[in-house]
Amino acid sequence: MSFDLSLILESLPLMLAGIGITLKLLLVSGFLGLILAVALLLMRISGKFYLDWPAQAYIYVFRGTPILVQIFIIYYGLPQFEAVRDSIFWHILREPTGCAIVALTLNTGAYVSEILRGGVLGVDRGLLEAGSALGMSARHKFVYITTPIATRLSLPAYSNDVISLLKSTALASTITIADMTGIARTIVADTYAPYEIFISLAIVYMIFTLGLQKLFGVIERYLGRYTRRDG
């Protein structure tokens, strides 16, 4: 089996033309997903069953079903309801990019919420007791003790979720979005050379993943600058 390097060199610029859409899906859904995750976290730790149970049910549904199925339900299923078409959300849901962002946001929000909750539960209770002894309110303890420590504890797992989200954006090509994967599929349909094209695409995603790993490594070292011990 021959490996056509010239085809790769010709195809890479075409695939990279979709980098803007890929980054848009990653950044917008990642940001909105983080906001959603914080809201779900506050519901989970509120101590009120009428907030905790709906949050648990939401997380169970979106963690228990494939992201591809969620994309299809939002893109193909929701427009069938007249109430959705008449709602204020229709200008978002009528576009494939909007549907992909909604699906990715809802999915990553469920995962990140559990990551953040793990960080909160990982905070040493002795530190909270010390805060109480100093007369700090529950709100002040959460803001000044729990949040900084939980953020540092959650960061490694959160970085993994962001990388997973990057790879999940490739599924947006299944609903006609011309991201890098969508363009690659078009090239394969024209050239009948899936081997070269998809290996090239995989390398591009690996480069992006490496960049994200380095970025989160810098952030992790910064947040842990006061906890490192000199050898």
Protein backbone atom coordinates (compact mmCIF):
# COMPACT_ATOMS: atom_id res chain seq x y z
CA MET A 1 0.00 0.00 0.00
CA SER A 2 1.51 3.34 -1.08
CA PHE A 3 1.50 6.44 1.08
CA ASP A 4 0.94 9.64 -0.92
CA LEU A 5 2.85 12.42 0.83
CA SER A 6 1.93 14.96 -1.82
CA LEU A 7 -1.76 14.39 -1.08
CA ILE A 8 -1.11 15.06 2.59
CA LEU A 9 0.70 18.32 1.80
CA GLU A 10 -2.18 19.40 -0.42
CA SER A 11 -4.87 18.41 2.07
CA LEU A 12 -3.43 19.86 5.28
CA PRO A 13 -4.11 23.53 4.35
CA LEU A 14 -7.67 22.58 3.39
CA MET A 15 -8.28 20.79 6.69
CA LEU A 16 -6.73 23.64 8.67
CA ALA A 17 -9.28 25.95 7.06
CA GLY A 18 -11.77 24.40 9.47
CA ILE A 19 -9.65 25.18 12.52
CA GLY A 20 -11.72 28.27 13.30
CA ILE A 21 -14.94 26.29 13.64
CA THR A 22 -13.20 23.61 15.70
CA LEU A 23 -11.82 26.23 18.10
CA LYS A 24 -15.20 27.98 18.24
CA LEU A 25 -16.89 24.74 19.25
CA LEU A 26 -14.20 24.07 21.86
CA LEU A 27 -14.02 27.53 23.41
CA VAL A 28 -17.71 28.42 23.43
CA SER A 29 -18.98 25.05 24.64
CA GLY A 30 -16.09 24.79 27.11
CA PHE A 31 -16.88 28.20 28.63
CA LEU A 32 -20.64 27.65 28.77
CA GLY A 33 -20.11 24.11 30.05
CA LEU A 34 -17.96 25.42 32.91
CA ILE A 35 -20.68 27.90 33.92
CA LEU A 36 -23.26 25.11 33.80
CA ALA A 37 -20.95 22.84 35.82
CA VAL A 38 -20.59 25.45 38.57
CA ALA A 39 -24.38 25.84 38.74
CA LEU A 40 -24.82 22.06 38.99
CA LEU A 41 -22.11 21.89 41.65
CA LEU A 42 -23.86 24.52 43.78
CA MET A 43 -27.09 22.55 43.44
CA ARG A 44 -25.34 19.33 44.48
CA ILE A 45 -23.73 20.82 47.59
CA SER A 46 -26.68 23.02 48.57
CA GLY A 47 -28.03 20.45 51.01
CA LYS A 48 -31.52 20.94 49.57
CA PHE A 49 -33.03 17.80 48.04
CA TYR A 50 -35.15 19.74 45.52
CA LEU A 51 -31.92 21.12 44.03
CA ASP A 52 -29.70 18.08 44.54
CA TRP A 53 -31.99 15.48 42.94
CA PRO A 54 -32.61 17.33 39.66
CA ALA A 55 -28.88 17.96 39.36
CA GLN A 56 -28.14 14.28 39.97
CA ALA A 57 -30.73 13.23 37.39
CA TYR A 58 -29.31 15.64 34.82
CA ILE A 59 -25.75 14.42 35.39
CA TYR A 60 -26.84 10.79 35.21
CA VAL A 61 -28.63 11.29 31.87
CA PHE A 62 -25.83 13.19 30.14
CA ARG A 63 -23.03 11.01 31.48
CA GLY A 64 -24.99 7.85 30.76
CA THR A 65 -25.73 8.48 27.08
CA PRO A 66 -23.30 8.89 24.15
CA ILE A 67 -22.52 12.44 23.06
CA LEU A 68 -23.30 11.45 19.45
CA VAL A 69 -26.83 10.45 20.45
CA GLN A 70 -27.25 13.76 22.27
CA ILE A 71 -26.14 15.68 19.18
CA PHE A 72 -28.62 13.78 16.99
CA ILE A 73 -31.50 14.31 19.44
CA ILE A 74 -30.86 18.06 19.59
CA TYR A 75 -30.25 18.49 15.86
CA TYR A 76 -32.83 16.10 14.41
CA GLY A 77 -35.30 15.70 17.27
CA LEU A 78 -35.97 19.11 18.82
CA PRO A 79 -36.91 20.90 15.56
CA GLN A 80 -39.84 18.52 15.21
CA PHE A 81 -41.61 20.27 18.10
CA GLU A 82 -43.54 23.39 17.20
CA ALA A 83 -42.95 24.83 20.67
CA VAL A 84 -39.20 24.72 20.01
CA ARG A 85 -39.58 26.36 16.60
CA ASP A 86 -41.67 29.14 18.17
CA SER A 87 -39.31 29.67 21.11
CA ILE A 88 -36.55 32.22 21.55
CA PHE A 89 -34.03 29.38 21.23
CA TRP A 90 -34.96 28.58 17.62
CA HIS A 91 -32.40 31.00 16.14
CA ILE A 92 -29.75 28.85 17.87
CA LEU A 93 -31.23 25.41 17.30
CA ARG A 94 -32.01 25.94 13.62
CA GLU A 95 -28.28 26.07 12.83
CA PRO A 96 -26.06 22.96 13.05
CA THR A 97 -23.30 24.93 14.78
CA GLY A 98 -25.72 26.11 17.45
CA CYS A 99 -27.00 22.56 17.98
CA ALA A 100 -23.46 21.24 18.30
CA ILE A 101 -22.54 23.91 20.86
CA VAL A 102 -25.67 23.17 22.89
CA ALA A 103 -24.99 19.42 22.88
CA LEU A 104 -21.32 19.80 23.76
CA THR A 105 -22.15 22.31 26.49
CA LEU A 106 -24.77 20.10 28.12
CA ASN A 107 -22.48 17.08 27.96
CA THR A 108 -19.30 18.66 29.26
CA GLY A 109 -21.22 20.50 31.98
CA ALA A 110 -22.30 17.18 33.49
CA TYR A 111 -18.75 15.79 33.52
CA VAL A 112 -17.06 18.95 34.78
CA SER A 113 -19.60 19.30 37.56
CA GLU A 114 -18.54 15.95 39.00
CA ILE A 115 -14.88 16.89 38.60
CA LEU A 116 -15.45 20.09 40.57
CA ARG A 117 -17.46 18.25 43.22
CA GLY A 118 -14.57 15.84 43.66
CA GLY A 119 -12.28 18.82 44.23
CA VAL A 120 -14.64 20.32 46.80
CA LEU A 121 -14.93 17.02 48.66
CA GLY A 122 -11.14 16.73 48.61
CA VAL A 123 -10.62 19.85 50.71
CA ASP A 124 -9.27 18.97 54.15
CA ARG A 125 -11.99 19.42 56.75
CA GLY A 126 -9.36 20.62 59.19
CA LEU A 127 -8.89 23.74 57.09
CA LEU A 128 -12.61 24.46 57.20
CA GLU A 129 -12.67 23.92 60.95
CA ALA A 130 -9.76 26.34 61.25
CA GLY A 131 -11.74 28.87 59.23
CA SER A 132 -14.70 28.46 61.58
CA ALA A 133 -12.42 28.96 64.54
CA LEU A 134 -11.31 32.26 63.02
CA GLY A 135 -14.94 33.36 62.76
CA MET A 136 -15.32 32.97 59.00
CA SER A 137 -18.83 32.56 57.65
CA ALA A 138 -19.80 29.58 55.48
CA ARG A 139 -19.73 31.84 52.41
CA HIS A 140 -16.26 33.19 53.22
CA LYS A 141 -14.93 29.68 53.84
CA PHE A 142 -16.27 28.54 50.48
CA VAL A 143 -14.81 31.53 48.62
CA TYR A 144 -11.44 31.86 50.33
CA ILE A 145 -10.65 28.27 51.40
CA THR A 146 -12.68 25.73 49.46
CA THR A 147 -12.62 27.36 46.02
CA PRO A 148 -8.85 27.90 45.63
CA ILE A 149 -7.97 24.43 46.94
CA ALA A 150 -10.72 22.66 45.01
CA THR A 151 -9.65 24.45 41.82
CA ARG A 152 -6.09 23.18 42.18
CA LEU A 153 -7.28 19.65 43.00
CA SER A 154 -9.69 19.59 40.05
CA LEU A 155 -7.34 20.99 37.44
CA PRO A 156 -5.65 17.73 36.28
CA ALA A 157 -9.00 16.01 35.71
CA TYR A 158 -10.47 19.16 34.18
CA SER A 159 -7.62 19.36 31.68
CA ASN A 160 -8.41 15.80 30.62
CA ASP A 161 -12.04 16.78 30.09
CA VAL A 162 -11.06 19.77 27.92
CA ILE A 163 -8.94 17.46 25.77
CA SER A 164 -11.87 15.04 25.57
CA LEU A 165 -14.08 17.95 24.53
CA LEU A 166 -11.63 18.85 21.77
CA LYS A 167 -11.91 15.33 20.38
CA SER A 168 -15.69 15.38 20.77
CA THR A 169 -15.92 18.42 18.50
CA ALA A 170 -15.05 16.06 15.64
CA LEU A 171 -18.54 14.56 16.02
CA ALA A 172 -20.02 17.87 14.88
CA SER A 173 -19.08 16.86 11.34
CA THR A 174 -21.92 14.31 11.47
CA ILE A 175 -24.43 17.17 11.25
CA THR A 176 -22.83 18.87 8.22
CA ILE A 177 -20.50 21.22 10.11
CA ALA A 178 -17.33 21.95 8.12
CA ASP A 179 -14.83 21.72 10.95
CA MET A 180 -11.48 20.01 10.41
CA THR A 181 -13.04 16.55 10.53
CA GLY A 182 -15.89 17.56 8.24
CA ILE A 183 -13.46 18.92 5.66
CA ALA A 184 -11.34 15.76 5.98
CA ARG A 185 -14.39 13.60 5.26
CA THR A 186 -15.13 15.68 2.16
CA ILE A 187 -11.54 15.26 0.94
CA VAL A 188 -11.74 11.50 1.49
CA ALA A 189 -14.96 11.35 -0.54
CA ASP A 190 -13.18 13.15 -3.40
CA THR A 191 -9.82 11.35 -3.28
CA TYR A 192 -10.72 7.88 -1.94
CA ALA A 193 -7.59 8.10 0.23
CA PRO A 194 -8.81 7.75 3.82
CA TYR A 195 -5.50 6.42 5.10
CA GLU A 196 -3.45 9.53 4.32
CA ILE A 197 -6.18 12.03 5.16
CA PHE A 198 -7.27 10.65 8.51
CA ILE A 199 -3.70 10.01 9.68
CA SER A 200 -2.92 13.64 8.85
CA LEU A 201 -6.02 14.74 10.77
CA ALA A 202 -5.01 12.61 13.75
CA ILE A 203 -1.60 14.29 13.81
CA VAL A 204 -3.26 17.73 13.81
CA TYR A 205 -5.43 16.77 16.79
CA MET A 206 -2.38 15.35 18.59
CA ILE A 207 -0.59 18.68 18.15
CA PHE A 208 -3.59 20.52 19.59
CA THR A 209 -3.73 18.06 22.48
CA LEU A 210 -0.05 18.60 23.23
CA GLY A 211 -0.62 22.36 23.26
CA LEU A 212 -3.50 22.01 25.73
CA GLN A 213 -1.43 19.73 27.96
CA LYS A 214 1.40 22.27 28.03
CA LEU A 215 -1.04 25.11 28.77
CA PHE A 216 -2.68 23.33 31.68
CA GLY A 217 0.74 22.25 32.92
CA VAL A 218 1.73 25.92 33.19
CA ILE A 219 -1.52 26.77 34.98
CA GLU A 220 -1.10 23.83 37.36
CA ARG A 221 2.43 24.85 38.25
CA TYR A 222 1.27 28.42 38.85
CA LEU A 223 -1.58 27.40 41.15
CA GLY A 224 0.70 25.01 43.04
CA ARG A 225 3.62 27.44 43.37
CA TYR A 226 3.15 27.73 47.14
CA THR A 227 2.76 24.01 47.72
CA ARG A 228 5.97 22.81 46.06
CA ARG A 229 8.76 21.72 48.29
CA ASP A 230 12.37 22.30 47.41
CA GLY A 231 14.35 19.08 47.30
